[in-house]
Amino acid sequence: MVNYNNKRFKPISSSENSETTSDTIFLYKQNGNILTSAYTGGNIIEGHLIGLVDSNGIINMRYHQINKNGDLMTGICVSKPKINPNGKITLYESWEWTSGDKSKGTSILEEI
């Protein structure tokens, strides 16, 4: 299982309907297969996620966040890791808003 504990990530690309930017920083915490994160930056004032990590390091998560407009947004996401030659992790994400327009998108996050 991939260990995400105390790792920081930032988006390097994201669908147009995403609220994250390259200024959004995620700090992951992991206890067993339970993953949590607090995140902030860019268009997001405050965000949290909770998820389960499977034996391949794939994260099935739920998230909620407050954006700069003061809107509470919620969603679901599946994140698949790739371990790079330098040991850093890249996450390939497929997500969907469960609030707002309920659109879908993709993002790529890199460990920093």
PDB file of N, CA and C in Angstrom:
ATOM      1  N   MET A   1       0.841  -1.193   0.000  1.00  0.00           N
ATOM      2  CA  MET A   1       0.000   0.000   0.000  1.00  0.00           C
ATOM      3  C   MET A   1       0.881   1.250   0.000  1.00  0.00           C
ATOM      4  N   VAL A   2       0.513   2.225  -0.778  1.00  0.00           N
ATOM      5  CA  VAL A   2       1.221   3.504  -0.813  1.00  0.00           C
ATOM      6  C   VAL A   2       0.970   4.234   0.513  1.00  0.00           C
ATOM      7  N   ASN A   3       2.013   4.839   1.063  1.00  0.00           N
ATOM      8  CA  ASN A   3       1.858   5.618   2.287  1.00  0.00           C
ATOM      9  C   ASN A   3       1.869   7.101   1.929  1.00  0.00           C
ATOM     10  N   TYR A   4       0.728   7.757   2.148  1.00  0.00           N
ATOM     11  CA  TYR A   4       0.576   9.172   1.823  1.00  0.00           C
ATOM     12  C   TYR A   4       0.812  10.080   3.035  1.00  0.00           C
ATOM     13  N   ASN A   5       1.105   9.501   4.194  1.00  0.00           N
ATOM     14  CA  ASN A   5       1.158  10.295   5.415  1.00  0.00           C
ATOM     15  C   ASN A   5       2.192  11.414   5.339  1.00  0.00           C
ATOM     16  N   ASN A   6       1.736  12.628   5.669  1.00  0.00           N
ATOM     17  CA  ASN A   6       2.551  13.857   5.705  1.00  0.00           C
ATOM     18  C   ASN A   6       3.081  14.281   4.340  1.00  0.00           C
ATOM     19  N   LYS A   7       2.491  13.788   3.271  1.00  0.00           N
ATOM     20  CA  LYS A   7       2.895  14.219   1.926  1.00  0.00           C
ATOM     21  C   LYS A   7       2.024  15.397   1.489  1.00  0.00           C
ATOM     22  N   ARG A   8       2.654  16.320   0.771  1.00  0.00           N
ATOM     23  CA  ARG A   8       1.945  17.493   0.242  1.00  0.00           C
ATOM     24  C   ARG A   8       1.845  17.381  -1.277  1.00  0.00           C
ATOM     25  N   PHE A   9       0.691  17.810  -1.803  1.00  0.00           N
ATOM     26  CA  PHE A   9       0.432  17.752  -3.237  1.00  0.00           C
ATOM     27  C   PHE A   9      -0.119  19.085  -3.719  1.00  0.00           C
ATOM     28  N   LYS A  10       0.121  19.354  -5.007  1.00  0.00           N
ATOM     29  CA  LYS A  10      -0.507  20.515  -5.651  1.00  0.00           C
ATOM     30  C   LYS A  10      -0.912  20.123  -7.064  1.00  0.00           C
ATOM     31  N   PRO A  11      -2.003  20.721  -7.551  1.00  0.00           N
ATOM     32  CA  PRO A  11      -2.449  20.424  -8.917  1.00  0.00           C
ATOM     33  C   PRO A  11      -1.469  20.966  -9.952  1.00  0.00           C
ATOM     34  N   ILE A  12      -1.217  20.150 -10.996  1.00  0.00           N
ATOM     35  CA  ILE A  12      -0.433  20.635 -12.132  1.00  0.00           C
ATOM     36  C   ILE A  12      -1.324  20.772 -13.363  1.00  0.00           C
ATOM     37  N   SER A  13      -2.505  20.145 -13.327  1.00  0.00           N
ATOM     38  CA  SER A  13      -3.509  20.362 -14.373  1.00  0.00           C
ATOM     39  C   SER A  13      -4.865  19.965 -13.809  1.00  0.00           C
ATOM     40  N   SER A  14      -5.897  20.604 -14.337  1.00  0.00           N
ATOM     41  CA  SER A  14      -7.243  20.331 -13.853  1.00  0.00           C
ATOM     42  C   SER A  14      -8.256  20.798 -14.876  1.00  0.00           C
ATOM     43  N   SER A  15      -9.385  20.117 -14.898  1.00  0.00           N
ATOM     44  CA  SER A  15     -10.477  20.514 -15.796  1.00  0.00           C
ATOM     45  C   SER A  15     -10.924  21.933 -15.494  1.00  0.00           C
ATOM     46  N   GLU A  16     -11.510  22.571 -16.498  1.00  0.00           N
ATOM     47  CA  GLU A  16     -11.946  23.961 -16.368  1.00  0.00           C
ATOM     48  C   GLU A  16     -12.968  24.155 -15.251  1.00  0.00           C
ATOM     49  N   ASN A  17     -13.775  23.141 -14.960  1.00  0.00           N
ATOM     50  CA  ASN A  17     -14.817  23.252 -13.940  1.00  0.00           C
ATOM     51  C   ASN A  17     -14.305  22.981 -12.521  1.00  0.00           C
ATOM     52  N   SER A  18     -12.998  22.818 -12.367  1.00  0.00           N
ATOM     53  CA  SER A  18     -12.387  22.609 -11.055  1.00  0.00           C
ATOM     54  C   SER A  18     -12.230  23.930 -10.324  1.00  0.00           C
ATOM     55  N   GLU A  19     -12.179  23.877  -9.000  1.00  0.00           N
ATOM     56  CA  GLU A  19     -11.894  25.076  -8.204  1.00  0.00           C
ATOM     57  C   GLU A  19     -10.442  25.128  -7.749  1.00  0.00           C
ATOM     58  N   THR A  20      -9.688  24.045  -7.976  1.00  0.00           N
ATOM     59  CA  THR A  20      -8.290  24.047  -7.573  1.00  0.00           C
ATOM     60  C   THR A  20      -7.438  24.784  -8.608  1.00  0.00           C
ATOM     61  N   THR A  21      -6.323  25.318  -8.131  1.00  0.00           N
ATOM     62  CA  THR A  21      -5.321  25.951  -8.993  1.00  0.00           C
ATOM     63  C   THR A  21      -3.951  25.456  -8.539  1.00  0.00           C
ATOM     64  N   SER A  22      -2.907  25.897  -9.193  1.00  0.00           N
ATOM     65  CA  SER A  22      -1.548  25.505  -8.783  1.00  0.00           C
ATOM     66  C   SER A  22      -1.201  26.079  -7.409  1.00  0.00           C
ATOM     67  N   ASP A  23      -2.026  26.988  -6.882  1.00  0.00           N
ATOM     68  CA  ASP A  23      -1.822  27.549  -5.543  1.00  0.00           C
ATOM     69  C   ASP A  23      -2.526  26.746  -4.451  1.00  0.00           C
ATOM     70  N   THR A  24      -3.286  25.738  -4.825  1.00  0.00           N
ATOM     71  CA  THR A  24      -3.973  24.904  -3.847  1.00  0.00           C
ATOM     72  C   THR A  24      -3.005  23.836  -3.340  1.00  0.00           C
ATOM     73  N   ILE A  25      -2.841  23.756  -2.021  1.00  0.00           N
ATOM     74  CA  ILE A  25      -1.932  22.787  -1.410  1.00  0.00           C
ATOM     75  C   ILE A  25      -2.742  21.838  -0.525  1.00  0.00           C
ATOM     76  N   PHE A  26      -2.520  20.541  -0.754  1.00  0.00           N
ATOM     77  CA  PHE A  26      -3.152  19.474   0.017  1.00  0.00           C
ATOM     78  C   PHE A  26      -2.109  18.865   0.944  1.00  0.00           C
ATOM     79  N   LEU A  27      -2.421  18.712   2.222  1.00  0.00           N
ATOM     80  CA  LEU A  27      -1.564  17.993   3.163  1.00  0.00           C
ATOM     81  C   LEU A  27      -2.283  16.708   3.558  1.00  0.00           C
ATOM     82  N   TYR A  28      -1.729  15.575   3.121  1.00  0.00           N
ATOM     83  CA  TYR A  28      -2.353  14.272   3.362  1.00  0.00           C
ATOM     84  C   TYR A  28      -1.876  13.688   4.680  1.00  0.00           C
ATOM     85  N   LYS A  29      -2.807  13.074   5.391  1.00  0.00           N
ATOM     86  CA  LYS A  29      -2.522  12.295   6.602  1.00  0.00           C
ATOM     87  C   LYS A  29      -3.111  10.911   6.377  1.00  0.00           C
ATOM     88  N   GLN A  30      -2.415   9.883   6.816  1.00  0.00           N
ATOM     89  CA  GLN A  30      -2.900   8.519   6.628  1.00  0.00           C
ATOM     90  C   GLN A  30      -2.688   7.712   7.898  1.00  0.00           C
ATOM     91  N   ASN A  31      -3.726   6.971   8.291  1.00  0.00           N
ATOM     92  CA  ASN A  31      -3.678   6.060   9.419  1.00  0.00           C
ATOM     93  C   ASN A  31      -4.265   4.743   8.939  1.00  0.00           C
ATOM     94  N   GLY A  32      -3.405   3.744   8.720  1.00  0.00           N
ATOM     95  CA  GLY A  32      -3.869   2.497   8.119  1.00  0.00           C
ATOM     96  C   GLY A  32      -4.324   2.785   6.699  1.00  0.00           C
ATOM     97  N   ASN A  33      -5.554   2.410   6.369  1.00  0.00           N
ATOM     98  CA  ASN A  33      -6.060   2.700   5.022  1.00  0.00           C
ATOM     99  C   ASN A  33      -6.967   3.926   4.992  1.00  0.00           C
ATOM    100  N   ILE A  34      -7.023   4.684   6.099  1.00  0.00           N
ATOM    101  CA  ILE A  34      -7.851   5.894   6.159  1.00  0.00           C
ATOM    102  C   ILE A  34      -6.990   7.110   5.843  1.00  0.00           C
ATOM    103  N   LEU A  35      -7.425   7.877   4.852  1.00  0.00           N
ATOM    104  CA  LEU A  35      -6.703   9.066   4.408  1.00  0.00           C
ATOM    105  C   LEU A  35      -7.559  10.299   4.686  1.00  0.00           C
ATOM    106  N   THR A  36      -6.933  11.348   5.200  1.00  0.00           N
ATOM    107  CA  THR A  36      -7.595  12.647   5.360  1.00  0.00           C
ATOM    108  C   THR A  36      -6.672  13.717   4.812  1.00  0.00           C
ATOM    109  N   SER A  37      -7.262  14.865   4.497  1.00  0.00           N
ATOM    110  CA  SER A  37      -6.455  15.997   4.052  1.00  0.00           C
ATOM    111  C   SER A  37      -7.191  17.289   4.343  1.00  0.00           C
ATOM    112  N   ALA A  38      -6.422  18.279   4.739  1.00  0.00           N
ATOM    113  CA  ALA A  38      -6.892  19.652   4.765  1.00  0.00           C
ATOM    114  C   ALA A  38      -6.216  20.338   3.589  1.00  0.00           C
ATOM    115  N   TYR A  39      -6.947  21.229   2.917  1.00  0.00           N
ATOM    116  CA  TYR A  39      -6.350  21.935   1.794  1.00  0.00           C
ATOM    117  C   TYR A  39      -6.898  23.345   1.694  1.00  0.00           C
ATOM    118  N   THR A  40      -6.097  24.210   1.095  1.00  0.00           N
ATOM    119  CA  THR A  40      -6.446  25.611   0.956  1.00  0.00           C
ATOM    120  C   THR A  40      -5.601  26.214  -0.165  1.00  0.00           C
ATOM    121  N   GLY A  41      -6.011  27.390  -0.636  1.00  0.00           N
ATOM    122  CA  GLY A  41      -5.240  28.106  -1.636  1.00  0.00           C
ATOM    123  C   GLY A  41      -5.963  28.240  -2.955  1.00  0.00           C
ATOM    124  N   GLY A  42      -5.574  29.243  -3.727  1.00  0.00           N
ATOM    125  CA  GLY A  42      -6.243  29.498  -4.998  1.00  0.00           C
ATOM    126  C   GLY A  42      -7.669  29.949  -4.751  1.00  0.00           C
ATOM    127  N   ASN A  43      -8.620  29.265  -5.340  1.00  0.00           N
ATOM    128  CA  ASN A  43     -10.035  29.624  -5.199  1.00  0.00           C
ATOM    129  C   ASN A  43     -10.689  29.008  -3.971  1.00  0.00           C
ATOM    130  N   ILE A  44      -9.926  28.270  -3.179  1.00  0.00           N
ATOM    131  CA  ILE A  44     -10.483  27.547  -2.045  1.00  0.00           C
ATOM    132  C   ILE A  44     -10.012  28.169  -0.732  1.00  0.00           C
ATOM    133  N   ILE A  45     -10.980  28.585   0.088  1.00  0.00           N
ATOM    134  CA  ILE A  45     -10.659  29.147   1.403  1.00  0.00           C
ATOM    135  C   ILE A  45     -10.307  28.029   2.374  1.00  0.00           C
ATOM    136  N   GLU A  46     -11.126  26.985   2.377  1.00  0.00           N
ATOM    137  CA  GLU A  46     -10.901  25.851   3.282  1.00  0.00           C
ATOM    138  C   GLU A  46     -11.520  24.607   2.679  1.00  0.00           C
ATOM    139  N   GLY A  47     -10.787  23.505   2.711  1.00  0.00           N
ATOM    140  CA  GLY A  47     -11.306  22.243   2.202  1.00  0.00           C
ATOM    141  C   GLY A  47     -10.806  21.068   3.007  1.00  0.00           C
ATOM    142  N   HIS A  48     -11.590  19.979   2.975  1.00  0.00           N
ATOM    143  CA  HIS A  48     -11.229  18.737   3.654  1.00  0.00           C
ATOM    144  C   HIS A  48     -11.629  17.568   2.784  1.00  0.00           C
ATOM    145  N   LEU A  49     -10.872  16.500   2.886  1.00  0.00           N
ATOM    146  CA  LEU A  49     -11.275  15.264   2.211  1.00  0.00           C
ATOM    147  C   LEU A  49     -11.040  14.104   3.156  1.00  0.00           C
ATOM    148  N   ILE A  50     -11.796  13.034   2.915  1.00  0.00           N
ATOM    149  CA  ILE A  50     -11.621  11.783   3.642  1.00  0.00           C
ATOM    150  C   ILE A  50     -11.767  10.658   2.638  1.00  0.00           C
ATOM    151  N   GLY A  51     -10.918   9.639   2.784  1.00  0.00           N
ATOM    152  CA  GLY A  51     -10.966   8.553   1.819  1.00  0.00           C
ATOM    153  C   GLY A  51     -10.383   7.273   2.352  1.00  0.00           C
ATOM    154  N   LEU A  52     -10.526   6.244   1.551  1.00  0.00           N
ATOM    155  CA  LEU A  52      -9.956   4.938   1.835  1.00  0.00           C
ATOM    156  C   LEU A  52      -8.924   4.605   0.763  1.00  0.00           C
ATOM    157  N   VAL A  53      -7.786   4.081   1.197  1.00  0.00           N
ATOM    158  CA  VAL A  53      -6.697   3.703   0.299  1.00  0.00           C
ATOM    159  C   VAL A  53      -6.709   2.184   0.151  1.00  0.00           C
ATOM    160  N   ASP A  54      -6.733   1.699  -1.104  1.00  0.00           N
ATOM    161  CA  ASP A  54      -6.710   0.244  -1.298  1.00  0.00           C
ATOM    162  C   ASP A  54      -5.270  -0.266  -1.400  1.00  0.00           C
ATOM    163  N   SER A  55      -5.102  -1.556  -1.603  1.00  0.00           N
ATOM    164  CA  SER A  55      -3.770  -2.172  -1.610  1.00  0.00           C
ATOM    165  C   SER A  55      -2.890  -1.695  -2.760  1.00  0.00           C
ATOM    166  N   ASN A  56      -3.490  -1.109  -3.807  1.00  0.00           N
ATOM    167  CA  ASN A  56      -2.733  -0.545  -4.933  1.00  0.00           C
ATOM    168  C   ASN A  56      -2.475   0.952  -4.782  1.00  0.00           C
ATOM    169  N   GLY A  57      -2.884   1.527  -3.651  1.00  0.00           N
ATOM    170  CA  GLY A  57      -2.692   2.951  -3.416  1.00  0.00           C
ATOM    171  C   GLY A  57      -3.785   3.827  -4.004  1.00  0.00           C
ATOM    172  N   ILE A  58      -4.820   3.229  -4.596  1.00  0.00           N
ATOM    173  CA  ILE A  58      -5.923   4.006  -5.168  1.00  0.00           C
ATOM    174  C   ILE A  58      -6.787   4.546  -4.023  1.00  0.00           C
ATOM    175  N   ILE A  59      -7.105   5.828  -4.106  1.00  0.00           N
ATOM    176  CA  ILE A  59      -7.888   6.493  -3.067  1.00  0.00           C
ATOM    177  C   ILE A  59      -9.310   6.706  -3.572  1.00  0.00           C
ATOM    178  N   ASN A  60     -10.282   6.257  -2.791  1.00  0.00           N
ATOM    179  CA  ASN A  60     -11.693   6.539  -3.044  1.00  0.00           C
ATOM    180  C   ASN A  60     -12.094   7.551  -1.980  1.00  0.00           C
ATOM    181  N   MET A  61     -12.407   8.781  -2.397  1.00  0.00           N
ATOM    182  CA  MET A  61     -12.578   9.865  -1.424  1.00  0.00           C
ATOM    183  C   MET A  61     -13.842  10.681  -1.641  1.00  0.00           C
ATOM    184  N   ARG A  62     -14.171  11.433  -0.607  1.00  0.00           N
ATOM    185  CA  ARG A  62     -15.229  12.436  -0.617  1.00  0.00           C
ATOM    186  C   ARG A  62     -14.587  13.743  -0.155  1.00  0.00           C
ATOM    187  N   TYR A  63     -15.057  14.858  -0.703  1.00  0.00           N
ATOM    188  CA  TYR A  63     -14.479  16.142  -0.310  1.00  0.00           C
ATOM    189  C   TYR A  63     -15.558  17.200  -0.153  1.00  0.00           C
ATOM    190  N   HIS A  64     -15.221  18.198   0.652  1.00  0.00           N
ATOM    191  CA  HIS A  64     -16.067  19.387   0.778  1.00  0.00           C
ATOM    192  C   HIS A  64     -15.157  20.593   0.967  1.00  0.00           C
ATOM    193  N   GLN A  65     -15.621  21.717   0.448  1.00  0.00           N
ATOM    194  CA  GLN A  65     -14.792  22.923   0.487  1.00  0.00           C
ATOM    195  C   GLN A  65     -15.654  24.163   0.411  1.00  0.00           C
ATOM    196  N   ILE A  66     -15.097  25.272   0.926  1.00  0.00           N
ATOM    197  CA  ILE A  66     -15.701  26.596   0.809  1.00  0.00           C
ATOM    198  C   ILE A  66     -14.848  27.378  -0.180  1.00  0.00           C
ATOM    199  N   ASN A  67     -15.481  27.893  -1.248  1.00  0.00           N
ATOM    200  CA  ASN A  67     -14.723  28.653  -2.243  1.00  0.00           C
ATOM    201  C   ASN A  67     -14.745  30.148  -1.919  1.00  0.00           C
ATOM    202  N   LYS A  68     -14.032  30.940  -2.710  1.00  0.00           N
ATOM    203  CA  LYS A  68     -13.934  32.393  -2.480  1.00  0.00           C
ATOM    204  C   LYS A  68     -15.277  33.109  -2.578  1.00  0.00           C
ATOM    205  N   ASN A  69     -16.247  32.486  -3.256  1.00  0.00           N
ATOM    206  CA  ASN A  69     -17.592  33.063  -3.327  1.00  0.00           C
ATOM    207  C   ASN A  69     -18.413  32.761  -2.082  1.00  0.00           C
ATOM    208  N   GLY A  70     -17.865  31.968  -1.168  1.00  0.00           N
ATOM    209  CA  GLY A  70     -18.579  31.585   0.042  1.00  0.00           C
ATOM    210  C   GLY A  70     -19.504  30.395  -0.160  1.00  0.00           C
ATOM    211  N   ASP A  71     -19.357  29.691  -1.297  1.00  0.00           N
ATOM    212  CA  ASP A  71     -20.196  28.529  -1.578  1.00  0.00           C
ATOM    213  C   ASP A  71     -19.591  27.278  -0.945  1.00  0.00           C
ATOM    214  N   LEU A  72     -20.461  26.431  -0.373  1.00  0.00           N
ATOM    215  CA  LEU A  72     -20.053  25.124   0.115  1.00  0.00           C
ATOM    216  C   LEU A  72     -20.222  24.136  -1.023  1.00  0.00           C
ATOM    217  N   MET A  73     -19.116  23.521  -1.456  1.00  0.00           N
ATOM    218  CA  MET A  73     -19.116  22.587  -2.580  1.00  0.00           C
ATOM    219  C   MET A  73     -18.705  21.205  -2.081  1.00  0.00           C
ATOM    220  N   THR A  74     -19.310  20.161  -2.664  1.00  0.00           N
ATOM    221  CA  THR A  74     -19.015  18.788  -2.263  1.00  0.00           C
ATOM    222  C   THR A  74     -18.782  17.930  -3.499  1.00  0.00           C
ATOM    223  N   GLY A  75     -18.043  16.825  -3.318  1.00  0.00           N
ATOM    224  CA  GLY A  75     -17.796  15.951  -4.455  1.00  0.00           C
ATOM    225  C   GLY A  75     -17.206  14.615  -4.059  1.00  0.00           C
ATOM    226  N   ILE A  76     -17.046  13.776  -5.082  1.00  0.00           N
ATOM    227  CA  ILE A  76     -16.432  12.459  -4.944  1.00  0.00           C
ATOM    228  C   ILE A  76     -15.269  12.366  -5.926  1.00  0.00           C
ATOM    229  N   CYS A  77     -14.289  11.527  -5.589  1.00  0.00           N
ATOM    230  CA  CYS A  77     -13.094  11.439  -6.424  1.00  0.00           C
ATOM    231  C   CYS A  77     -12.440  10.073  -6.266  1.00  0.00           C
ATOM    232  N   VAL A  78     -11.883   9.572  -7.357  1.00  0.00           N
ATOM    233  CA  VAL A  78     -11.009   8.408  -7.331  1.00  0.00           C
ATOM    234  C   VAL A  78      -9.647   8.880  -7.828  1.00  0.00           C
ATOM    235  N   SER A  79      -8.623   8.581  -7.051  1.00  0.00           N
ATOM    236  CA  SER A  79      -7.272   9.064  -7.325  1.00  0.00           C
ATOM    237  C   SER A  79      -6.335   7.871  -7.462  1.00  0.00           C
ATOM    238  N   LYS A  80      -5.642   7.782  -8.610  1.00  0.00           N
ATOM    239  CA  LYS A  80      -4.742   6.661  -8.888  1.00  0.00           C
ATOM    240  C   LYS A  80      -3.295   7.158  -8.882  1.00  0.00           C
ATOM    241  N   PRO A  81      -2.427   6.512  -8.092  1.00  0.00           N
ATOM    242  CA  PRO A  81      -1.045   6.974  -7.976  1.00  0.00           C
ATOM    243  C   PRO A  81      -0.116   6.389  -9.037  1.00  0.00           C
ATOM    244  N   LYS A  82       0.896   7.167  -9.348  1.00  0.00           N
ATOM    245  CA  LYS A  82       2.041   6.685 -10.129  1.00  0.00           C
ATOM    246  C   LYS A  82       3.275   7.105  -9.342  1.00  0.00           C
ATOM    247  N   ILE A  83       4.150   6.136  -9.049  1.00  0.00           N
ATOM    248  CA  ILE A  83       5.398   6.448  -8.354  1.00  0.00           C
ATOM    249  C   ILE A  83       6.443   6.774  -9.418  1.00  0.00           C
ATOM    250  N   ASN A  84       6.977   7.973  -9.361  1.00  0.00           N
ATOM    251  CA  ASN A  84       7.951   8.446 -10.343  1.00  0.00           C
ATOM    252  C   ASN A  84       9.359   7.946 -10.005  1.00  0.00           C
ATOM    253  N   PRO A  85      10.286   7.976 -10.982  1.00  0.00           N
ATOM    254  CA  PRO A  85      11.668   7.517 -10.729  1.00  0.00           C
ATOM    255  C   PRO A  85      12.335   8.218  -9.541  1.00  0.00           C
ATOM    256  N   ASN A  86      11.935   9.476  -9.280  1.00  0.00           N
ATOM    257  CA  ASN A  86      12.520  10.205  -8.149  1.00  0.00           C
ATOM    258  C   ASN A  86      11.850   9.854  -6.820  1.00  0.00           C
ATOM    259  N   GLY A  87      10.870   8.914  -6.830  1.00  0.00           N
ATOM    260  CA  GLY A  87      10.188   8.494  -5.609  1.00  0.00           C
ATOM    261  C   GLY A  87       8.960   9.319  -5.273  1.00  0.00           C
ATOM    262  N   LYS A  88       8.794  10.440  -5.957  1.00  0.00           N
ATOM    263  CA  LYS A  88       7.624  11.294  -5.724  1.00  0.00           C
ATOM    264  C   LYS A  88       6.390  10.670  -6.384  1.00  0.00           C
ATOM    265  N   ILE A  89       5.225  11.018  -5.860  1.00  0.00           N
ATOM    266  CA  ILE A  89       3.959  10.451  -6.333  1.00  0.00           C
ATOM    267  C   ILE A  89       3.220  11.460  -7.209  1.00  0.00           C
ATOM    268  N   THR A  90       2.681  10.996  -8.328  1.00  0.00           N
ATOM    269  CA  THR A  90       1.745  11.763  -9.147  1.00  0.00           C
ATOM    270  C   THR A  90       0.387  11.084  -9.018  1.00  0.00           C
ATOM    271  N   LEU A  91      -0.660  11.879  -8.780  1.00  0.00           N
ATOM    272  CA  LEU A  91      -2.015  11.359  -8.637  1.00  0.00           C
ATOM    273  C   LEU A  91      -2.853  11.748  -9.841  1.00  0.00           C
ATOM    274  N   TYR A  92      -3.487  10.766 -10.447  1.00  0.00           N
ATOM    275  CA  TYR A  92      -4.386  10.977 -11.588  1.00  0.00           C
ATOM    276  C   TYR A  92      -5.813  10.813 -11.078  1.00  0.00           C
ATOM    277  N   GLU A  93      -6.575  11.905 -11.120  1.00  0.00           N
ATOM    278  CA  GLU A  93      -7.876  11.938 -10.464  1.00  0.00           C
ATOM    279  C   GLU A  93      -9.033  12.086 -11.450  1.00  0.00           C
ATOM    280  N   SER A  94     -10.096  11.352 -11.149  1.00  0.00           N
ATOM    281  CA  SER A  94     -11.386  11.509 -11.821  1.00  0.00           C
ATOM    282  C   SER A  94     -12.376  11.875 -10.730  1.00  0.00           C
ATOM    283  N   TRP A  95     -13.065  12.983 -10.903  1.00  0.00           N
ATOM    284  CA  TRP A  95     -13.936  13.481  -9.848  1.00  0.00           C
ATOM    285  C   TRP A  95     -15.274  13.965 -10.404  1.00  0.00           C
ATOM    286  N   GLU A  96     -16.189  14.187  -9.482  1.00  0.00           N
ATOM    287  CA  GLU A  96     -17.531  14.648  -9.840  1.00  0.00           C
ATOM    288  C   GLU A  96     -18.085  15.491  -8.699  1.00  0.00           C
ATOM    289  N   TRP A  97     -18.630  16.639  -9.054  1.00  0.00           N
ATOM    290  CA  TRP A  97     -19.317  17.469  -8.071  1.00  0.00           C
ATOM    291  C   TRP A  97     -20.621  16.782  -7.664  1.00  0.00           C
ATOM    292  N   THR A  98     -20.900  16.767  -6.351  1.00  0.00           N
ATOM    293  CA  THR A  98     -22.196  16.292  -5.869  1.00  0.00           C
ATOM    294  C   THR A  98     -23.063  17.479  -5.449  1.00  0.00           C
ATOM    295  N   SER A  99     -22.569  18.672  -5.702  1.00  0.00           N
ATOM    296  CA  SER A  99     -23.305  19.918  -5.497  1.00  0.00           C
ATOM    297  C   SER A  99     -23.131  20.768  -6.754  1.00  0.00           C
ATOM    298  N   GLY A 100     -23.765  21.920  -6.781  1.00  0.00           N
ATOM    299  CA  GLY A 100     -23.624  22.796  -7.945  1.00  0.00           C
ATOM    300  C   GLY A 100     -24.147  22.131  -9.201  1.00  0.00           C
ATOM    301  N   ASP A 101     -23.368  22.206 -10.281  1.00  0.00           N
ATOM    302  CA  ASP A 101     -23.832  21.678 -11.573  1.00  0.00           C
ATOM    303  C   ASP A 101     -23.637  20.168 -11.732  1.00  0.00           C
ATOM    304  N   LYS A 102     -23.030  19.529 -10.724  1.00  0.00           N
ATOM    305  CA  LYS A 102     -22.812  18.072 -10.712  1.00  0.00           C
ATOM    306  C   LYS A 102     -22.021  17.570 -11.919  1.00  0.00           C
ATOM    307  N   SER A 103     -21.145  18.440 -12.433  1.00  0.00           N
ATOM    308  CA  SER A 103     -20.307  18.066 -13.571  1.00  0.00           C
ATOM    309  C   SER A 103     -19.140  17.193 -13.124  1.00  0.00           C
ATOM    310  N   LYS A 104     -18.457  16.594 -14.102  1.00  0.00           N
ATOM    311  CA  LYS A 104     -17.317  15.732 -13.853  1.00  0.00           C
ATOM    312  C   LYS A 104     -16.045  16.374 -14.386  1.00  0.00           C
ATOM    313  N   GLY A 105     -14.904  15.887 -13.903  1.00  0.00           N
ATOM    314  CA  GLY A 105     -13.642  16.408 -14.397  1.00  0.00           C
ATOM    315  C   GLY A 105     -12.487  15.513 -14.033  1.00  0.00           C
ATOM    316  N   THR A 106     -11.289  15.952 -14.383  1.00  0.00           N
ATOM    317  CA  THR A 106     -10.060  15.247 -14.073  1.00  0.00           C
ATOM    318  C   THR A 106      -9.028  16.246 -13.566  1.00  0.00           C
ATOM    319  N   SER A 107      -8.101  15.739 -12.784  1.00  0.00           N
ATOM    320  CA  SER A 107      -6.986  16.549 -12.276  1.00  0.00           C
ATOM    321  C   SER A 107      -5.751  15.679 -12.172  1.00  0.00           C
ATOM    322  N   ILE A 108      -4.592  16.324 -12.203  1.00  0.00           N
ATOM    323  CA  ILE A 108      -3.329  15.661 -11.925  1.00  0.00           C
ATOM    324  C   ILE A 108      -2.650  16.443 -10.825  1.00  0.00           C
ATOM    325  N   LEU A 109      -2.283  15.756  -9.747  1.00  0.00           N
ATOM    326  CA  LEU A 109      -1.590  16.360  -8.626  1.00  0.00           C
ATOM    327  C   LEU A 109      -0.194  15.776  -8.532  1.00  0.00           C
ATOM    328  N   GLU A 110       0.769  16.615  -8.144  1.00  0.00           N
ATOM    329  CA  GLU A 110       2.132  16.147  -7.952  1.00  0.00           C
ATOM    330  C   GLU A 110       2.554  16.386  -6.510  1.00  0.00           C
ATOM    331  N   GLU A 111       3.305  15.427  -5.995  1.00  0.00           N
ATOM    332  CA  GLU A 111       3.870  15.589  -4.659  1.00  0.00           C
ATOM    333  C   GLU A 111       4.919  16.685  -4.697  1.00  0.00           C
ATOM    334  N   ILE A 112       4.893  17.537  -3.668  1.00  0.00           N
ATOM    335  CA  ILE A 112       5.871  18.638  -3.582  1.00  0.00           C
ATOM    336  C   ILE A 112       6.743  18.471  -2.359  1.00  0.00           C
TER     337      ILE A 112
END
